[in-house]
N, C-alpha and C. Protein backbone atom coordinates (compact mmCIF):
# COMPACT_ATOMS: atom_id res chain seq x y z
N MET A 1 -187.37 86.34 71.52
CA MET A 1 -186.51 85.32 70.96
C MET A 1 -185.15 85.37 71.61
N GLY A 2 -184.57 84.21 71.90
CA GLY A 2 -183.24 84.15 72.47
C GLY A 2 -182.19 84.24 71.38
N SER A 3 -180.95 84.23 71.81
CA SER A 3 -179.87 84.27 70.81
C SER A 3 -179.67 82.87 70.22
N ALA A 4 -179.20 82.84 69.01
CA ALA A 4 -179.01 81.57 68.30
C ALA A 4 -177.83 80.80 68.88
N THR A 5 -178.02 79.49 69.00
CA THR A 5 -176.96 78.59 69.42
C THR A 5 -176.85 77.47 68.40
N LEU A 6 -175.69 76.83 68.36
CA LEU A 6 -175.47 75.71 67.46
C LEU A 6 -176.29 74.52 67.93
N CYS A 7 -177.04 73.92 67.01
CA CYS A 7 -177.90 72.78 67.34
C CYS A 7 -177.69 71.67 66.33
N SER A 8 -177.67 70.45 66.82
CA SER A 8 -177.66 69.27 65.98
C SER A 8 -179.11 68.78 65.88
N VAL A 9 -179.60 68.58 64.66
CA VAL A 9 -180.98 68.15 64.43
C VAL A 9 -180.95 66.83 63.69
N SER A 10 -181.71 65.85 64.19
CA SER A 10 -181.73 64.55 63.51
C SER A 10 -183.10 63.91 63.60
N PHE A 11 -183.37 63.05 62.63
CA PHE A 11 -184.59 62.25 62.63
C PHE A 11 -184.35 61.01 61.79
N VAL A 12 -185.20 60.01 62.00
CA VAL A 12 -185.15 58.79 61.20
C VAL A 12 -186.28 58.86 60.19
N ASP A 13 -185.94 58.68 58.90
CA ASP A 13 -186.97 58.77 57.85
C ASP A 13 -187.80 57.50 57.79
N ARG A 14 -188.73 57.47 56.87
CA ARG A 14 -189.68 56.35 56.75
C ARG A 14 -189.00 55.03 56.39
N ARG A 15 -187.77 55.10 55.86
CA ARG A 15 -187.03 53.88 55.50
C ARG A 15 -186.09 53.43 56.61
N GLY A 16 -186.08 54.18 57.73
CA GLY A 16 -185.21 53.82 58.85
C GLY A 16 -183.83 54.43 58.79
N VAL A 17 -183.61 55.38 57.90
CA VAL A 17 -182.31 56.04 57.76
C VAL A 17 -182.28 57.29 58.64
N ARG A 18 -181.25 57.41 59.47
CA ARG A 18 -181.10 58.60 60.33
C ARG A 18 -180.42 59.71 59.54
N HIS A 19 -180.99 60.91 59.59
CA HIS A 19 -180.44 62.10 58.95
C HIS A 19 -180.10 63.11 60.05
N THR A 20 -178.94 63.75 59.94
CA THR A 20 -178.50 64.72 60.94
C THR A 20 -177.87 65.92 60.24
N THR A 21 -178.12 67.10 60.78
CA THR A 21 -177.49 68.31 60.29
C THR A 21 -177.29 69.25 61.46
N GLN A 22 -176.54 70.32 61.25
CA GLN A 22 -176.34 71.33 62.28
C GLN A 22 -176.86 72.66 61.79
N VAL A 23 -177.52 73.38 62.70
CA VAL A 23 -178.07 74.70 62.38
C VAL A 23 -177.82 75.63 63.57
N ALA A 24 -177.94 76.91 63.33
CA ALA A 24 -177.93 77.91 64.40
C ALA A 24 -179.36 78.35 64.59
N ALA A 25 -179.89 78.20 65.81
CA ALA A 25 -181.30 78.52 66.06
C ALA A 25 -181.48 79.06 67.47
N ALA A 26 -182.58 79.80 67.65
CA ALA A 26 -182.88 80.42 68.94
C ALA A 26 -183.73 79.54 69.84
N ASN A 27 -184.44 78.56 69.25
CA ASN A 27 -185.29 77.70 70.07
C ASN A 27 -185.49 76.34 69.40
N LEU A 28 -186.15 75.45 70.11
CA LEU A 28 -186.38 74.09 69.64
C LEU A 28 -187.07 74.06 68.29
N TYR A 29 -188.14 74.82 68.14
CA TYR A 29 -188.94 74.76 66.91
C TYR A 29 -188.20 75.35 65.72
N GLU A 30 -187.49 76.45 65.93
CA GLU A 30 -186.70 77.02 64.84
C GLU A 30 -185.63 76.02 64.40
N ALA A 31 -184.96 75.39 65.37
CA ALA A 31 -183.94 74.39 65.03
C ALA A 31 -184.55 73.24 64.24
N ALA A 32 -185.71 72.74 64.68
CA ALA A 32 -186.36 71.63 63.98
C ALA A 32 -186.71 72.02 62.55
N ILE A 33 -187.30 73.19 62.36
CA ILE A 33 -187.69 73.62 61.01
C ILE A 33 -186.47 73.81 60.12
N LEU A 34 -185.45 74.49 60.63
CA LEU A 34 -184.24 74.69 59.81
C LEU A 34 -183.58 73.36 59.47
N GLY A 35 -183.51 72.45 60.44
CA GLY A 35 -182.91 71.14 60.20
C GLY A 35 -183.68 70.32 59.19
N ILE A 36 -185.01 70.27 59.34
CA ILE A 36 -185.84 69.55 58.38
C ILE A 36 -185.69 70.15 56.99
N HIS A 37 -185.68 71.47 56.92
CA HIS A 37 -185.53 72.16 55.63
C HIS A 37 -184.21 71.80 54.95
N LEU A 38 -183.11 71.85 55.70
CA LEU A 38 -181.80 71.52 55.11
C LEU A 38 -181.73 70.07 54.66
N ILE A 39 -182.21 69.16 55.50
CA ILE A 39 -182.17 67.74 55.13
C ILE A 39 -183.08 67.48 53.93
N SER A 40 -184.26 68.10 53.91
CA SER A 40 -185.19 67.91 52.79
C SER A 40 -184.60 68.41 51.48
N GLN A 41 -183.89 69.55 51.55
CA GLN A 41 -183.27 70.09 50.34
C GLN A 41 -182.17 69.17 49.82
N GLN A 42 -181.38 68.62 50.73
CA GLN A 42 -180.24 67.81 50.31
C GLN A 42 -180.64 66.37 49.98
N TRP A 43 -181.54 65.78 50.75
CA TRP A 43 -181.83 64.36 50.61
C TRP A 43 -183.26 64.06 50.18
N ALA A 44 -184.10 65.07 50.03
CA ALA A 44 -185.51 64.88 49.68
C ALA A 44 -186.20 63.95 50.66
N GLU A 45 -185.87 64.10 51.94
CA GLU A 45 -186.46 63.28 53.00
C GLU A 45 -187.04 64.19 54.06
N GLU A 46 -188.12 63.75 54.69
CA GLU A 46 -188.67 64.45 55.83
C GLU A 46 -189.19 63.41 56.81
N PRO A 47 -189.34 63.80 58.07
CA PRO A 47 -189.85 62.83 59.04
C PRO A 47 -191.35 62.62 58.88
N ALA A 48 -191.82 61.48 59.33
CA ALA A 48 -193.27 61.26 59.40
C ALA A 48 -193.82 62.24 60.43
N PRO A 49 -195.12 62.59 60.34
CA PRO A 49 -195.68 63.60 61.25
C PRO A 49 -195.45 63.33 62.73
N LEU A 50 -195.45 62.08 63.15
CA LEU A 50 -195.27 61.78 64.57
C LEU A 50 -193.89 61.22 64.91
N ALA A 51 -192.98 61.22 63.93
CA ALA A 51 -191.61 60.76 64.18
C ALA A 51 -190.91 61.75 65.12
N LYS A 52 -190.03 61.25 65.96
CA LYS A 52 -189.28 62.11 66.87
C LYS A 52 -188.21 62.88 66.12
N ILE A 53 -188.17 64.17 66.36
CA ILE A 53 -187.11 65.03 65.83
C ILE A 53 -186.24 65.39 67.03
N GLU A 54 -184.99 64.98 66.99
CA GLU A 54 -184.09 65.21 68.10
C GLU A 54 -183.27 66.47 67.84
N VAL A 55 -183.27 67.37 68.82
CA VAL A 55 -182.50 68.61 68.74
C VAL A 55 -181.59 68.66 69.95
N GLU A 56 -180.30 68.87 69.70
CA GLU A 56 -179.35 68.97 70.80
C GLU A 56 -178.61 70.29 70.68
N ARG A 57 -178.86 71.17 71.64
CA ARG A 57 -178.18 72.47 71.65
C ARG A 57 -176.78 72.31 72.23
N GLN A 58 -175.82 73.07 71.69
CA GLN A 58 -174.42 72.97 72.10
C GLN A 58 -173.91 74.34 72.50
N PRO A 59 -172.86 74.49 73.18
CA PRO A 59 -172.64 73.82 74.45
C PRO A 59 -173.42 74.53 75.54
N PRO A 60 -173.66 74.02 76.65
CA PRO A 60 -173.52 72.61 76.96
C PRO A 60 -174.60 71.81 76.24
N SER A 61 -174.43 70.54 76.19
CA SER A 61 -175.36 69.67 75.50
C SER A 61 -176.72 69.68 76.20
N VAL A 62 -177.76 70.08 75.46
CA VAL A 62 -179.12 70.10 75.99
C VAL A 62 -180.02 69.38 74.98
N PRO A 63 -180.27 68.08 75.19
CA PRO A 63 -181.11 67.34 74.23
C PRO A 63 -182.60 67.63 74.44
N GLU A 64 -183.34 67.77 73.33
CA GLU A 64 -184.78 67.98 73.34
C GLU A 64 -185.38 67.15 72.21
N GLN A 65 -186.69 66.89 72.28
CA GLN A 65 -187.38 66.18 71.21
C GLN A 65 -188.71 66.85 70.91
N THR A 66 -189.13 66.74 69.69
CA THR A 66 -190.45 67.20 69.26
C THR A 66 -190.86 66.32 68.09
N THR A 67 -192.00 66.59 67.50
CA THR A 67 -192.45 65.87 66.31
C THR A 67 -192.76 66.90 65.23
N LEU A 68 -192.84 66.46 63.98
CA LEU A 68 -193.19 67.35 62.89
C LEU A 68 -194.58 67.94 63.13
N LYS A 69 -195.50 67.16 63.66
CA LYS A 69 -196.85 67.67 63.97
C LYS A 69 -196.78 68.80 64.99
N GLN A 70 -195.98 68.63 66.05
CA GLN A 70 -195.85 69.69 67.05
C GLN A 70 -195.21 70.94 66.46
N VAL A 71 -194.23 70.75 65.58
CA VAL A 71 -193.58 71.88 64.93
C VAL A 71 -194.60 72.63 64.06
N ARG A 72 -195.37 71.90 63.28
CA ARG A 72 -196.39 72.55 62.44
C ARG A 72 -197.43 73.27 63.28
N ASP A 73 -197.86 72.66 64.38
CA ASP A 73 -198.82 73.31 65.27
C ASP A 73 -198.24 74.62 65.82
N TRP A 74 -196.97 74.58 66.25
CA TRP A 74 -196.33 75.78 66.80
C TRP A 74 -196.22 76.89 65.75
N VAL A 75 -195.74 76.56 64.57
CA VAL A 75 -195.50 77.60 63.57
C VAL A 75 -196.80 78.22 63.06
N HIS A 76 -197.92 77.50 63.14
CA HIS A 76 -199.20 78.03 62.66
C HIS A 76 -200.01 78.71 63.77
N ALA A 77 -199.55 78.60 65.03
CA ALA A 77 -200.20 79.30 66.14
C ALA A 77 -199.76 80.77 66.15
N ALA A 78 -200.56 81.62 66.75
CA ALA A 78 -200.21 83.03 66.83
C ALA A 78 -198.96 83.22 67.67
N GLY A 79 -198.13 84.15 67.27
CA GLY A 79 -196.93 84.47 68.04
C GLY A 79 -197.28 85.24 69.31
N ARG A 80 -196.55 85.00 70.39
CA ARG A 80 -196.81 85.70 71.65
C ARG A 80 -196.29 87.12 71.63
N THR A 81 -195.30 87.37 70.79
CA THR A 81 -194.73 88.71 70.66
C THR A 81 -194.62 89.03 69.17
N ALA A 82 -194.39 90.28 68.86
CA ALA A 82 -194.21 90.67 67.45
C ALA A 82 -193.00 89.97 66.85
N SER A 83 -191.95 89.83 67.64
CA SER A 83 -190.74 89.17 67.18
C SER A 83 -191.00 87.69 66.87
N GLU A 84 -191.73 87.01 67.76
CA GLU A 84 -192.04 85.60 67.53
C GLU A 84 -192.97 85.44 66.32
N ALA A 85 -193.93 86.34 66.16
CA ALA A 85 -194.83 86.28 65.00
C ALA A 85 -194.04 86.43 63.70
N ALA A 86 -193.08 87.34 63.68
CA ALA A 86 -192.24 87.54 62.49
C ALA A 86 -191.39 86.30 62.22
N GLN A 87 -190.86 85.71 63.29
CA GLN A 87 -190.05 84.50 63.15
C GLN A 87 -190.90 83.37 62.55
N LYS A 88 -192.11 83.21 63.04
CA LYS A 88 -192.99 82.14 62.55
C LYS A 88 -193.33 82.36 61.08
N GLU A 89 -193.59 83.60 60.68
CA GLU A 89 -193.90 83.87 59.27
C GLU A 89 -192.73 83.49 58.38
N ARG A 90 -191.51 83.78 58.81
CA ARG A 90 -190.31 83.45 58.04
C ARG A 90 -190.14 81.93 57.95
N LEU A 91 -190.39 81.22 59.05
CA LEU A 91 -190.17 79.79 59.10
C LEU A 91 -191.24 78.97 58.38
N LYS A 92 -192.46 79.49 58.28
CA LYS A 92 -193.56 78.76 57.62
C LYS A 92 -193.18 78.32 56.21
N PHE A 93 -192.45 79.17 55.52
CA PHE A 93 -192.11 78.88 54.13
C PHE A 93 -191.04 77.79 53.99
N MET A 94 -190.40 77.43 55.09
CA MET A 94 -189.36 76.40 55.03
C MET A 94 -189.92 75.01 55.28
N LEU A 95 -191.11 74.93 55.83
CA LEU A 95 -191.69 73.61 56.08
C LEU A 95 -192.14 72.98 54.78
N VAL A 96 -191.89 71.69 54.65
CA VAL A 96 -192.27 70.98 53.43
C VAL A 96 -193.67 70.45 53.53
């Protein structure tokens, strides 16, 4: 796992409303899960399974995209290292 960086996470919900939050995360999937979790707790919203989840790491700005389906696939796959496996176990409980 890399070191955590500040990331902006956003998605458009089923009603067309864009939600954005900031999290500290080590990778794209951790950022997506933490962002979805925070937005879901505050607004009771989550992206559709194939909706684009935009993650932008700061600084420098590094934009990336994934989907909720890809995030779920990643978190339920076996970890490549013991550290990644532990990270995935912790993050599984944050997915809605």
